[in-house]
Amino acid sequence: MSIIITSDIQCEFNNIDLCQQAWEECLQICKEQNIKTIAYLGDGKQAYNPVDIRVIRWWQDAIRRAIKKGIDVLWNLGNHDRVGQYTDADNWLPILRRAGATTY
């Protein structure tokens, strides 16, 4: 089984273009190497709360594009995926699940 493991594409409005390049590179590697899983180990956004809706929409689209290509996205909770800098259970994983990611 082959898998891409990545993390810390800490998206915010002013770097969406760079995040897009990084994600496209992951998808291209998956295509070239016939990899069917991306394990994202957290920190998909820079801000804790509030998060720019354009960042949320970008990640939803990125996950959906991977799934459309037959690639599973596994997302592990990182500290930036929480609402605040504490260990509160509030996070944005439900948003990512609705886009199709399997979250942990």
PDB file of N, CA and C in Angstrom:
ATOM      1  N   MET A   1       0.839  -1.178   0.000  1.00  0.00           N
ATOM      2  CA  MET A   1       0.000   0.000   0.000  1.00  0.00           C
ATOM      3  C   MET A   1       0.886   1.244   0.000  1.00  0.00           C
ATOM      4  N   SER A   2       0.611   2.141  -0.897  1.00  0.00           N
ATOM      5  CA  SER A   2       1.332   3.404  -0.964  1.00  0.00           C
ATOM      6  C   SER A   2       0.439   4.521  -0.451  1.00  0.00           C
ATOM      7  N   ILE A   3       1.065   5.480   0.191  1.00  0.00           N
ATOM      8  CA  ILE A   3       0.333   6.586   0.794  1.00  0.00           C
ATOM      9  C   ILE A   3       1.221   7.832   0.789  1.00  0.00           C
ATOM     10  N   ILE A   4       0.605   8.982   0.593  1.00  0.00           N
ATOM     11  CA  ILE A   4       1.316  10.247   0.755  1.00  0.00           C
ATOM     12  C   ILE A   4       0.959  10.769   2.134  1.00  0.00           C
ATOM     13  N   ILE A   5       1.966  11.175   2.875  1.00  0.00           N
ATOM     14  CA  ILE A   5       1.757  11.763   4.191  1.00  0.00           C
ATOM     15  C   ILE A   5       2.256  13.199   4.128  1.00  0.00           C
ATOM     16  N   THR A   6       1.377  14.125   4.498  1.00  0.00           N
ATOM     17  CA  THR A   6       1.729  15.541   4.462  1.00  0.00           C
ATOM     18  C   THR A   6       0.998  16.263   5.595  1.00  0.00           C
ATOM     19  N   SER A   7       1.368  17.494   5.818  1.00  0.00           N
ATOM     20  CA  SER A   7       0.698  18.302   6.845  1.00  0.00           C
ATOM     21  C   SER A   7       1.118  19.756   6.712  1.00  0.00           C
ATOM     22  N   ASP A   8       0.553  20.573   7.552  1.00  0.00           N
ATOM     23  CA  ASP A   8       0.957  21.970   7.719  1.00  0.00           C
ATOM     24  C   ASP A   8       0.856  22.820   6.457  1.00  0.00           C
ATOM     25  N   ILE A   9      -0.116  22.535   5.618  1.00  0.00           N
ATOM     26  CA  ILE A   9      -0.426  23.480   4.543  1.00  0.00           C
ATOM     27  C   ILE A   9      -1.348  24.504   5.194  1.00  0.00           C
ATOM     28  N   GLN A  10      -0.773  25.373   6.002  1.00  0.00           N
ATOM     29  CA  GLN A  10      -1.544  26.286   6.838  1.00  0.00           C
ATOM     30  C   GLN A  10      -2.124  27.405   5.988  1.00  0.00           C
ATOM     31  N   CYS A  11      -3.293  27.104   5.463  1.00  0.00           N
ATOM     32  CA  CYS A  11      -3.939  27.997   4.512  1.00  0.00           C
ATOM     33  C   CYS A  11      -4.524  29.234   5.196  1.00  0.00           C
ATOM     34  N   GLU A  12      -4.347  30.354   4.548  1.00  0.00           N
ATOM     35  CA  GLU A  12      -5.037  31.590   4.877  1.00  0.00           C
ATOM     36  C   GLU A  12      -5.259  32.315   3.561  1.00  0.00           C
ATOM     37  N   PHE A  13      -6.095  33.336   3.574  1.00  0.00           N
ATOM     38  CA  PHE A  13      -6.480  33.965   2.314  1.00  0.00           C
ATOM     39  C   PHE A  13      -5.285  34.407   1.470  1.00  0.00           C
ATOM     40  N   ASN A  14      -4.251  34.941   2.104  1.00  0.00           N
ATOM     41  CA  ASN A  14      -3.139  35.491   1.320  1.00  0.00           C
ATOM     42  C   ASN A  14      -2.173  34.437   0.793  1.00  0.00           C
ATOM     43  N   ASN A  15      -2.386  33.142   1.086  1.00  0.00           N
ATOM     44  CA  ASN A  15      -1.485  32.123   0.525  1.00  0.00           C
ATOM     45  C   ASN A  15      -2.227  30.973  -0.145  1.00  0.00           C
ATOM     46  N   ILE A  16      -3.489  31.184  -0.493  1.00  0.00           N
ATOM     47  CA  ILE A  16      -4.267  30.125  -1.143  1.00  0.00           C
ATOM     48  C   ILE A  16      -3.581  29.644  -2.413  1.00  0.00           C
ATOM     49  N   ASP A  17      -2.960  30.540  -3.155  1.00  0.00           N
ATOM     50  CA  ASP A  17      -2.273  30.128  -4.392  1.00  0.00           C
ATOM     51  C   ASP A  17      -1.140  29.147  -4.107  1.00  0.00           C
ATOM     52  N   LEU A  18      -0.389  29.360  -3.036  1.00  0.00           N
ATOM     53  CA  LEU A  18       0.693  28.433  -2.681  1.00  0.00           C
ATOM     54  C   LEU A  18       0.132  27.099  -2.167  1.00  0.00           C
ATOM     55  N   CYS A  19      -0.953  27.179  -1.431  1.00  0.00           N
ATOM     56  CA  CYS A  19      -1.603  25.950  -0.964  1.00  0.00           C
ATOM     57  C   CYS A  19      -2.096  25.135  -2.159  1.00  0.00           C
ATOM     58  N   GLN A  20      -2.646  25.818  -3.136  1.00  0.00           N
ATOM     59  CA  GLN A  20      -3.113  25.156  -4.359  1.00  0.00           C
ATOM     60  C   GLN A  20      -1.962  24.435  -5.055  1.00  0.00           C
ATOM     61  N   GLN A  21      -0.821  25.080  -5.147  1.00  0.00           N
ATOM     62  CA  GLN A  21       0.343  24.441  -5.771  1.00  0.00           C
ATOM     63  C   GLN A  21       0.761  23.195  -5.006  1.00  0.00           C
ATOM     64  N   ALA A  22       0.799  23.276  -3.689  1.00  0.00           N
ATOM     65  CA  ALA A  22       1.207  22.131  -2.866  1.00  0.00           C
ATOM     66  C   ALA A  22       0.220  20.979  -3.029  1.00  0.00           C
ATOM     67  N   TRP A  23      -1.079  21.279  -3.008  1.00  0.00           N
ATOM     68  CA  TRP A  23      -2.084  20.225  -3.134  1.00  0.00           C
ATOM     69  C   TRP A  23      -2.048  19.593  -4.522  1.00  0.00           C
ATOM     70  N   GLU A  24      -1.888  20.422  -5.547  1.00  0.00           N
ATOM     71  CA  GLU A  24      -1.798  19.893  -6.911  1.00  0.00           C
ATOM     72  C   GLU A  24      -0.591  18.971  -7.059  1.00  0.00           C
ATOM     73  N   GLU A  25       0.504  19.317  -6.402  1.00  0.00           N
ATOM     74  CA  GLU A  25       1.681  18.451  -6.438  1.00  0.00           C
ATOM     75  C   GLU A  25       1.370  17.098  -5.794  1.00  0.00           C
ATOM     76  N   CYS A  26       0.665  17.118  -4.675  1.00  0.00           N
ATOM     77  CA  CYS A  26       0.256  15.852  -4.037  1.00  0.00           C
ATOM     78  C   CYS A  26      -0.611  15.025  -4.980  1.00  0.00           C
ATOM     79  N   LEU A  27      -1.586  15.673  -5.619  1.00  0.00           N
ATOM     80  CA  LEU A  27      -2.472  14.955  -6.542  1.00  0.00           C
ATOM     81  C   LEU A  27      -1.705  14.414  -7.745  1.00  0.00           C
ATOM     82  N   GLN A  28      -0.738  15.171  -8.228  1.00  0.00           N
ATOM     83  CA  GLN A  28       0.071  14.720  -9.369  1.00  0.00           C
ATOM     84  C   GLN A  28       0.918  13.502  -8.995  1.00  0.00           C
ATOM     85  N   ILE A  29       1.510  13.528  -7.819  1.00  0.00           N
ATOM     86  CA  ILE A  29       2.292  12.375  -7.347  1.00  0.00           C
ATOM     87  C   ILE A  29       1.386  11.156  -7.226  1.00  0.00           C
ATOM     88  N   CYS A  30       0.181  11.361  -6.692  1.00  0.00           N
ATOM     89  CA  CYS A  30      -0.775  10.249  -6.584  1.00  0.00           C
ATOM     90  C   CYS A  30      -1.064   9.647  -7.960  1.00  0.00           C
ATOM     91  N   LYS A  31      -1.258  10.507  -8.937  1.00  0.00           N
ATOM     92  CA  LYS A  31      -1.538  10.041 -10.295  1.00  0.00           C
ATOM     93  C   LYS A  31      -0.347   9.269 -10.870  1.00  0.00           C
ATOM     94  N   GLU A  32       0.837   9.848 -10.767  1.00  0.00           N
ATOM     95  CA  GLU A  32       2.029   9.229 -11.347  1.00  0.00           C
ATOM     96  C   GLU A  32       2.400   7.914 -10.676  1.00  0.00           C
ATOM     97  N   GLN A  33       2.193   7.822  -9.372  1.00  0.00           N
ATOM     98  CA  GLN A  33       2.615   6.645  -8.608  1.00  0.00           C
ATOM     99  C   GLN A  33       1.447   5.708  -8.259  1.00  0.00           C
ATOM    100  N   ASN A  34       0.250   6.017  -8.777  1.00  0.00           N
ATOM    101  CA  ASN A  34      -0.949   5.229  -8.506  1.00  0.00           C
ATOM    102  C   ASN A  34      -1.208   5.092  -6.998  1.00  0.00           C
ATOM    103  N   ILE A  35      -1.124   6.207  -6.297  1.00  0.00           N
ATOM    104  CA  ILE A  35      -1.358   6.253  -4.854  1.00  0.00           C
ATOM    105  C   ILE A  35      -2.818   6.630  -4.621  1.00  0.00           C
ATOM    106  N   LYS A  36      -3.465   5.922  -3.733  1.00  0.00           N
ATOM    107  CA  LYS A  36      -4.903   6.097  -3.509  1.00  0.00           C
ATOM    108  C   LYS A  36      -5.250   6.728  -2.165  1.00  0.00           C
ATOM    109  N   THR A  37      -4.258   7.161  -1.392  1.00  0.00           N
ATOM    110  CA  THR A  37      -4.539   7.735  -0.087  1.00  0.00           C
ATOM    111  C   THR A  37      -3.587   8.889   0.218  1.00  0.00           C
ATOM    112  N   ILE A  38      -4.168   9.986   0.678  1.00  0.00           N
ATOM    113  CA  ILE A  38      -3.389  11.087   1.234  1.00  0.00           C
ATOM    114  C   ILE A  38      -3.719  11.153   2.713  1.00  0.00           C
ATOM    115  N   ALA A  39      -2.716  11.022   3.560  1.00  0.00           N
ATOM    116  CA  ALA A  39      -2.878  11.194   4.996  1.00  0.00           C
ATOM    117  C   ALA A  39      -2.413  12.608   5.327  1.00  0.00           C
ATOM    118  N   TYR A  40      -3.349  13.416   5.765  1.00  0.00           N
ATOM    119  CA  TYR A  40      -3.033  14.796   6.120  1.00  0.00           C
ATOM    120  C   TYR A  40      -2.943  14.870   7.640  1.00  0.00           C
ATOM    121  N   LEU A  41      -1.779  15.190   8.153  1.00  0.00           N
ATOM    122  CA  LEU A  41      -1.535  15.104   9.588  1.00  0.00           C
ATOM    123  C   LEU A  41      -1.757  16.424  10.326  1.00  0.00           C
ATOM    124  N   GLY A  42      -2.669  17.195   9.836  1.00  0.00           N
ATOM    125  CA  GLY A  42      -3.138  18.346  10.587  1.00  0.00           C
ATOM    126  C   GLY A  42      -2.602  19.694  10.173  1.00  0.00           C
ATOM    127  N   ASP A  43      -3.237  20.708  10.734  1.00  0.00           N
ATOM    128  CA  ASP A  43      -2.905  22.115  10.539  1.00  0.00           C
ATOM    129  C   ASP A  43      -3.181  22.582   9.110  1.00  0.00           C
ATOM    130  N   GLY A  44      -4.428  22.481   8.725  1.00  0.00           N
ATOM    131  CA  GLY A  44      -4.841  22.909   7.396  1.00  0.00           C
ATOM    132  C   GLY A  44      -5.149  24.390   7.287  1.00  0.00           C
ATOM    133  N   LYS A  45      -5.210  25.060   8.416  1.00  0.00           N
ATOM    134  CA  LYS A  45      -5.491  26.493   8.399  1.00  0.00           C
ATOM    135  C   LYS A  45      -4.524  27.203   9.341  1.00  0.00           C
ATOM    136  N   GLN A  46      -4.233  28.446   9.037  1.00  0.00           N
ATOM    137  CA  GLN A  46      -3.320  29.230   9.870  1.00  0.00           C
ATOM    138  C   GLN A  46      -4.045  29.773  11.102  1.00  0.00           C
ATOM    139  N   ALA A  47      -5.205  30.393  10.883  1.00  0.00           N
ATOM    140  CA  ALA A  47      -5.955  31.017  11.973  1.00  0.00           C
ATOM    141  C   ALA A  47      -6.694  29.964  12.788  1.00  0.00           C
ATOM    142  N   TYR A  48      -6.874  30.247  14.053  1.00  0.00           N
ATOM    143  CA  TYR A  48      -7.697  29.366  14.875  1.00  0.00           C
ATOM    144  C   TYR A  48      -9.166  29.705  14.633  1.00  0.00           C
ATOM    145  N   ASN A  49      -9.610  30.869  15.038  1.00  0.00           N
ATOM    146  CA  ASN A  49     -10.988  31.276  14.858  1.00  0.00           C
ATOM    147  C   ASN A  49     -11.038  32.803  14.909  1.00  0.00           C
ATOM    148  N   PRO A  50     -11.728  33.482  14.033  1.00  0.00           N
ATOM    149  CA  PRO A  50     -12.515  32.935  12.932  1.00  0.00           C
ATOM    150  C   PRO A  50     -11.626  32.581  11.743  1.00  0.00           C
ATOM    151  N   VAL A  51     -12.168  31.755  10.884  1.00  0.00           N
ATOM    152  CA  VAL A  51     -11.459  31.321   9.681  1.00  0.00           C
ATOM    153  C   VAL A  51     -12.153  31.943   8.469  1.00  0.00           C
ATOM    154  N   ASP A  52     -11.365  32.500   7.584  1.00  0.00           N
ATOM    155  CA  ASP A  52     -11.896  33.093   6.358  1.00  0.00           C
ATOM    156  C   ASP A  52     -12.672  32.026   5.584  1.00  0.00           C
ATOM    157  N   ILE A  53     -13.885  32.331   5.171  1.00  0.00           N
ATOM    158  CA  ILE A  53     -14.724  31.382   4.448  1.00  0.00           C
ATOM    159  C   ILE A  53     -14.050  30.917   3.160  1.00  0.00           C
ATOM    160  N   ARG A  54     -13.194  31.736   2.574  1.00  0.00           N
ATOM    161  CA  ARG A  54     -12.475  31.327   1.353  1.00  0.00           C
ATOM    162  C   ARG A  54     -11.503  30.193   1.646  1.00  0.00           C
ATOM    163  N   VAL A  55     -10.946  30.156   2.849  1.00  0.00           N
ATOM    164  CA  VAL A  55     -10.071  29.056   3.254  1.00  0.00           C
ATOM    165  C   VAL A  55     -10.891  27.774   3.411  1.00  0.00           C
ATOM    166  N   ILE A  56     -12.029  27.893   4.059  1.00  0.00           N
ATOM    167  CA  ILE A  56     -12.908  26.729   4.232  1.00  0.00           C
ATOM    168  C   ILE A  56     -13.326  26.181   2.885  1.00  0.00           C
ATOM    169  N   ARG A  57     -13.766  27.056   2.019  1.00  0.00           N
ATOM    170  CA  ARG A  57     -14.197  26.605   0.672  1.00  0.00           C
ATOM    171  C   ARG A  57     -13.049  25.992  -0.109  1.00  0.00           C
ATOM    172  N   TRP A  58     -11.852  26.564   0.022  1.00  0.00           N
ATOM    173  CA  TRP A  58     -10.714  26.008  -0.705  1.00  0.00           C
ATOM    174  C   TRP A  58     -10.432  24.579  -0.246  1.00  0.00           C
ATOM    175  N   TRP A  59     -10.399  24.346   1.077  1.00  0.00           N
ATOM    176  CA  TRP A  59     -10.127  23.002   1.571  1.00  0.00           C
ATOM    177  C   TRP A  59     -11.230  22.026   1.184  1.00  0.00           C
ATOM    178  N   GLN A  60     -12.470  22.461   1.231  1.00  0.00           N
ATOM    179  CA  GLN A  60     -13.556  21.580   0.812  1.00  0.00           C
ATOM    180  C   GLN A  60     -13.372  21.176  -0.650  1.00  0.00           C
ATOM    181  N   ASP A  61     -13.050  22.141  -1.488  1.00  0.00           N
ATOM    182  CA  ASP A  61     -12.828  21.857  -2.904  1.00  0.00           C
ATOM    183  C   ASP A  61     -11.613  20.948  -3.103  1.00  0.00           C
ATOM    184  N   ALA A  62     -10.541  21.201  -2.364  1.00  0.00           N
ATOM    185  CA  ALA A  62      -9.332  20.379  -2.493  1.00  0.00           C
ATOM    186  C   ALA A  62      -9.628  18.921  -2.138  1.00  0.00           C
ATOM    187  N   ILE A  63     -10.358  18.711  -1.063  1.00  0.00           N
ATOM    188  CA  ILE A  63     -10.708  17.347  -0.653  1.00  0.00           C
ATOM    189  C   ILE A  63     -11.604  16.697  -1.700  1.00  0.00           C
ATOM    190  N   ARG A  64     -12.588  17.416  -2.171  1.00  0.00           N
ATOM    191  CA  ARG A  64     -13.509  16.863  -3.183  1.00  0.00           C
ATOM    192  C   ARG A  64     -12.785  16.523  -4.478  1.00  0.00           C
ATOM    193  N   ARG A  65     -11.805  17.339  -4.872  1.00  0.00           N
ATOM    194  CA  ARG A  65     -11.037  17.035  -6.090  1.00  0.00           C
ATOM    195  C   ARG A  65     -10.253  15.740  -5.933  1.00  0.00           C
ATOM    196  N   ALA A  66      -9.680  15.531  -4.754  1.00  0.00           N
ATOM    197  CA  ALA A  66      -8.945  14.290  -4.512  1.00  0.00           C
ATOM    198  C   ALA A  66      -9.891  13.100  -4.573  1.00  0.00           C
ATOM    199  N   ILE A  67     -11.025  13.199  -3.927  1.00  0.00           N
ATOM    200  CA  ILE A  67     -11.986  12.094  -3.901  1.00  0.00           C
ATOM    201  C   ILE A  67     -12.499  11.793  -5.301  1.00  0.00           C
ATOM    202  N   LYS A  68     -12.732  12.831  -6.079  1.00  0.00           N
ATOM    203  CA  LYS A  68     -13.189  12.649  -7.464  1.00  0.00           C
ATOM    204  C   LYS A  68     -12.163  11.851  -8.282  1.00  0.00           C
ATOM    205  N   LYS A  69     -10.899  11.967  -7.917  1.00  0.00           N
ATOM    206  CA  LYS A  69      -9.831  11.221  -8.598  1.00  0.00           C
ATOM    207  C   LYS A  69      -9.620   9.837  -7.988  1.00  0.00           C
ATOM    208  N   GLY A  70     -10.471   9.456  -7.035  1.00  0.00           N
ATOM    209  CA  GLY A  70     -10.348   8.141  -6.408  1.00  0.00           C
ATOM    210  C   GLY A  70      -9.328   8.089  -5.286  1.00  0.00           C
ATOM    211  N   ILE A  71      -9.001   9.225  -4.716  1.00  0.00           N
ATOM    212  CA  ILE A  71      -8.005   9.308  -3.650  1.00  0.00           C
ATOM    213  C   ILE A  71      -8.719   9.563  -2.324  1.00  0.00           C
ATOM    214  N   ASP A  72      -8.499   8.697  -1.354  1.00  0.00           N
ATOM    215  CA  ASP A  72      -9.050   8.898  -0.014  1.00  0.00           C
ATOM    216  C   ASP A  72      -8.213   9.938   0.718  1.00  0.00           C
ATOM    217  N   VAL A  73      -8.878  10.806   1.475  1.00  0.00           N
ATOM    218  CA  VAL A  73      -8.184  11.803   2.285  1.00  0.00           C
ATOM    219  C   VAL A  73      -8.457  11.477   3.751  1.00  0.00           C
ATOM    220  N   LEU A  74      -7.391  11.150   4.469  1.00  0.00           N
ATOM    221  CA  LEU A  74      -7.462  10.886   5.903  1.00  0.00           C
ATOM    222  C   LEU A  74      -6.896  12.112   6.606  1.00  0.00           C
ATOM    223  N   TRP A  75      -7.648  12.694   7.534  1.00  0.00           N
ATOM    224  CA  TRP A  75      -7.237  13.948   8.167  1.00  0.00           C
ATOM    225  C   TRP A  75      -7.115  13.746   9.664  1.00  0.00           C
ATOM    226  N   ASN A  76      -5.934  13.973  10.189  1.00  0.00           N
ATOM    227  CA  ASN A  76      -5.671  13.893  11.628  1.00  0.00           C
ATOM    228  C   ASN A  76      -5.720  15.298  12.228  1.00  0.00           C
ATOM    229  N   LEU A  77      -6.364  15.423  13.366  1.00  0.00           N
ATOM    230  CA  LEU A  77      -6.514  16.712  14.027  1.00  0.00           C
ATOM    231  C   LEU A  77      -5.165  17.292  14.444  1.00  0.00           C
ATOM    232  N   GLY A  78      -4.888  18.509  13.992  1.00  0.00           N
ATOM    233  CA  GLY A  78      -3.708  19.250  14.426  1.00  0.00           C
ATOM    234  C   GLY A  78      -4.128  20.400  15.323  1.00  0.00           C
ATOM    235  N   ASN A  79      -3.186  21.024  15.990  1.00  0.00           N
ATOM    236  CA  ASN A  79      -3.552  22.115  16.901  1.00  0.00           C
ATOM    237  C   ASN A  79      -4.194  23.290  16.171  1.00  0.00           C
ATOM    238  N   HIS A  80      -3.781  23.595  14.944  1.00  0.00           N
ATOM    239  CA  HIS A  80      -4.392  24.684  14.182  1.00  0.00           C
ATOM    240  C   HIS A  80      -5.772  24.313  13.657  1.00  0.00           C
ATOM    241  N   ASP A  81      -6.140  23.050  13.753  1.00  0.00           N
ATOM    242  CA  ASP A  81      -7.472  22.621  13.324  1.00  0.00           C
ATOM    243  C   ASP A  81      -8.506  22.842  14.418  1.00  0.00           C
ATOM    244  N   ARG A  82      -8.076  23.277  15.568  1.00  0.00           N
ATOM    245  CA  ARG A  82      -8.979  23.583  16.674  1.00  0.00           C
ATOM    246  C   ARG A  82      -9.475  25.030  16.561  1.00  0.00           C
ATOM    247  N   VAL A  83     -10.463  25.358  17.382  1.00  0.00           N
ATOM    248  CA  VAL A  83     -11.014  26.711  17.400  1.00  0.00           C
ATOM    249  C   VAL A  83     -10.066  27.671  18.105  1.00  0.00           C
ATOM    250  N   GLY A  84      -9.380  27.203  19.152  1.00  0.00           N
ATOM    251  CA  GLY A  84      -8.462  28.049  19.900  1.00  0.00           C
ATOM    252  C   GLY A  84      -7.179  27.316  20.220  1.00  0.00           C
ATOM    253  N   GLN A  85      -6.277  27.992  20.897  1.00  0.00           N
ATOM    254  CA  GLN A  85      -4.973  27.422  21.208  1.00  0.00           C
ATOM    255  C   GLN A  85      -4.997  26.519  22.431  1.00  0.00           C
ATOM    256  N   TYR A  86      -6.102  26.036  22.792  1.00  0.00           N
ATOM    257  CA  TYR A  86      -6.237  25.180  23.952  1.00  0.00           C
ATOM    258  C   TYR A  86      -6.658  23.783  23.497  1.00  0.00           C
ATOM    259  N   THR A  87      -6.865  22.897  24.406  1.00  0.00           N
ATOM    260  CA  THR A  87      -7.193  21.516  24.048  1.00  0.00           C
ATOM    261  C   THR A  87      -8.694  21.265  23.994  1.00  0.00           C
ATOM    262  N   ASP A  88      -9.460  22.309  23.749  1.00  0.00           N
ATOM    263  CA  ASP A  88     -10.903  22.193  23.624  1.00  0.00           C
ATOM    264  C   ASP A  88     -11.252  21.250  22.466  1.00  0.00           C
ATOM    265  N   ALA A  89     -12.381  20.614  22.578  1.00  0.00           N
ATOM    266  CA  ALA A  89     -12.805  19.666  21.554  1.00  0.00           C
ATOM    267  C   ALA A  89     -13.325  20.359  20.297  1.00  0.00           C
ATOM    268  N   ASP A  90     -13.657  21.657  20.369  1.00  0.00           N
ATOM    269  CA  ASP A  90     -14.188  22.360  19.203  1.00  0.00           C
ATOM    270  C   ASP A  90     -13.133  22.446  18.109  1.00  0.00           C
ATOM    271  N   ASN A  91     -13.529  22.041  16.893  1.00  0.00           N
ATOM    272  CA  ASN A  91     -12.606  22.056  15.765  1.00  0.00           C
ATOM    273  C   ASN A  91     -13.412  22.130  14.472  1.00  0.00           C
ATOM    274  N   TRP A  92     -12.723  22.134  13.352  1.00  0.00           N
ATOM    275  CA  TRP A  92     -13.412  22.229  12.069  1.00  0.00           C
ATOM    276  C   TRP A  92     -13.469  20.894  11.324  1.00  0.00           C
ATOM    277  N   LEU A  93     -13.192  19.798  12.012  1.00  0.00           N
ATOM    278  CA  LEU A  93     -13.235  18.499  11.348  1.00  0.00           C
ATOM    279  C   LEU A  93     -14.610  18.153  10.770  1.00  0.00           C
ATOM    280  N   PRO A  94     -15.738  18.557  11.394  1.00  0.00           N
ATOM    281  CA  PRO A  94     -17.028  18.273  10.752  1.00  0.00           C
ATOM    282  C   PRO A  94     -17.152  18.895   9.352  1.00  0.00           C
ATOM    283  N   ILE A  95     -16.560  20.061   9.159  1.00  0.00           N
ATOM    284  CA  ILE A  95     -16.572  20.698   7.836  1.00  0.00           C
ATOM    285  C   ILE A  95     -15.800  19.841   6.839  1.00  0.00           C
ATOM    286  N   LEU A  96     -14.662  19.315   7.266  1.00  0.00           N
ATOM    287  CA  LEU A  96     -13.830  18.496   6.386  1.00  0.00           C
ATOM    288  C   LEU A  96     -14.490  17.150   6.107  1.00  0.00           C
ATOM    289  N   ARG A  97     -15.181  16.596   7.102  1.00  0.00           N
ATOM    290  CA  ARG A  97     -15.921  15.341   6.892  1.00  0.00           C
ATOM    291  C   ARG A  97     -17.025  15.536   5.861  1.00  0.00           C
ATOM    292  N   ARG A  98     -17.730  16.654   5.935  1.00  0.00           N
ATOM    293  CA  ARG A  98     -18.793  16.910   4.959  1.00  0.00           C
ATOM    294  C   ARG A  98     -18.234  17.018   3.539  1.00  0.00           C
ATOM    295  N   ALA A  99     -16.983  17.419   3.422  1.00  0.00           N
ATOM    296  CA  ALA A  99     -16.348  17.484   2.111  1.00  0.00           C
ATOM    297  C   ALA A  99     -15.896  16.108   1.633  1.00  0.00           C
ATOM    298  N   GLY A 100     -15.852  15.123   2.545  1.00  0.00           N
ATOM    299  CA  GLY A 100     -15.500  13.763   2.156  1.00  0.00           C
ATOM    300  C   GLY A 100     -14.291  13.173   2.826  1.00  0.00           C
ATOM    301  N   ALA A 101     -13.598  13.944   3.653  1.00  0.00           N
ATOM    302  CA  ALA A 101     -12.413  13.412   4.354  1.00  0.00           C
ATOM    303  C   ALA A 101     -12.851  12.480   5.478  1.00  0.00           C
ATOM    304  N   THR A 102     -12.014  11.507   5.761  1.00  0.00           N
ATOM    305  CA  THR A 102     -12.167  10.695   6.964  1.00  0.00           C
ATOM    306  C   THR A 102     -11.305  11.367   8.006  1.00  0.00           C
ATOM    307  N   THR A 103     -11.893  11.726   9.148  1.00  0.00           N
ATOM    308  CA  THR A 103     -11.170  12.528  10.135  1.00  0.00           C
ATOM    309  C   THR A 103     -10.929  11.749  11.418  1.00  0.00           C
ATOM    310  N   TYR A 104      -9.819  12.102  12.062  1.00  0.00           N
ATOM    311  CA  TYR A 104      -9.414  11.465  13.315  1.00  0.00           C
ATOM    312  C   TYR A 104      -9.005  12.528  14.312  1.00  0.00           C
TER     313      TYR A 104
END
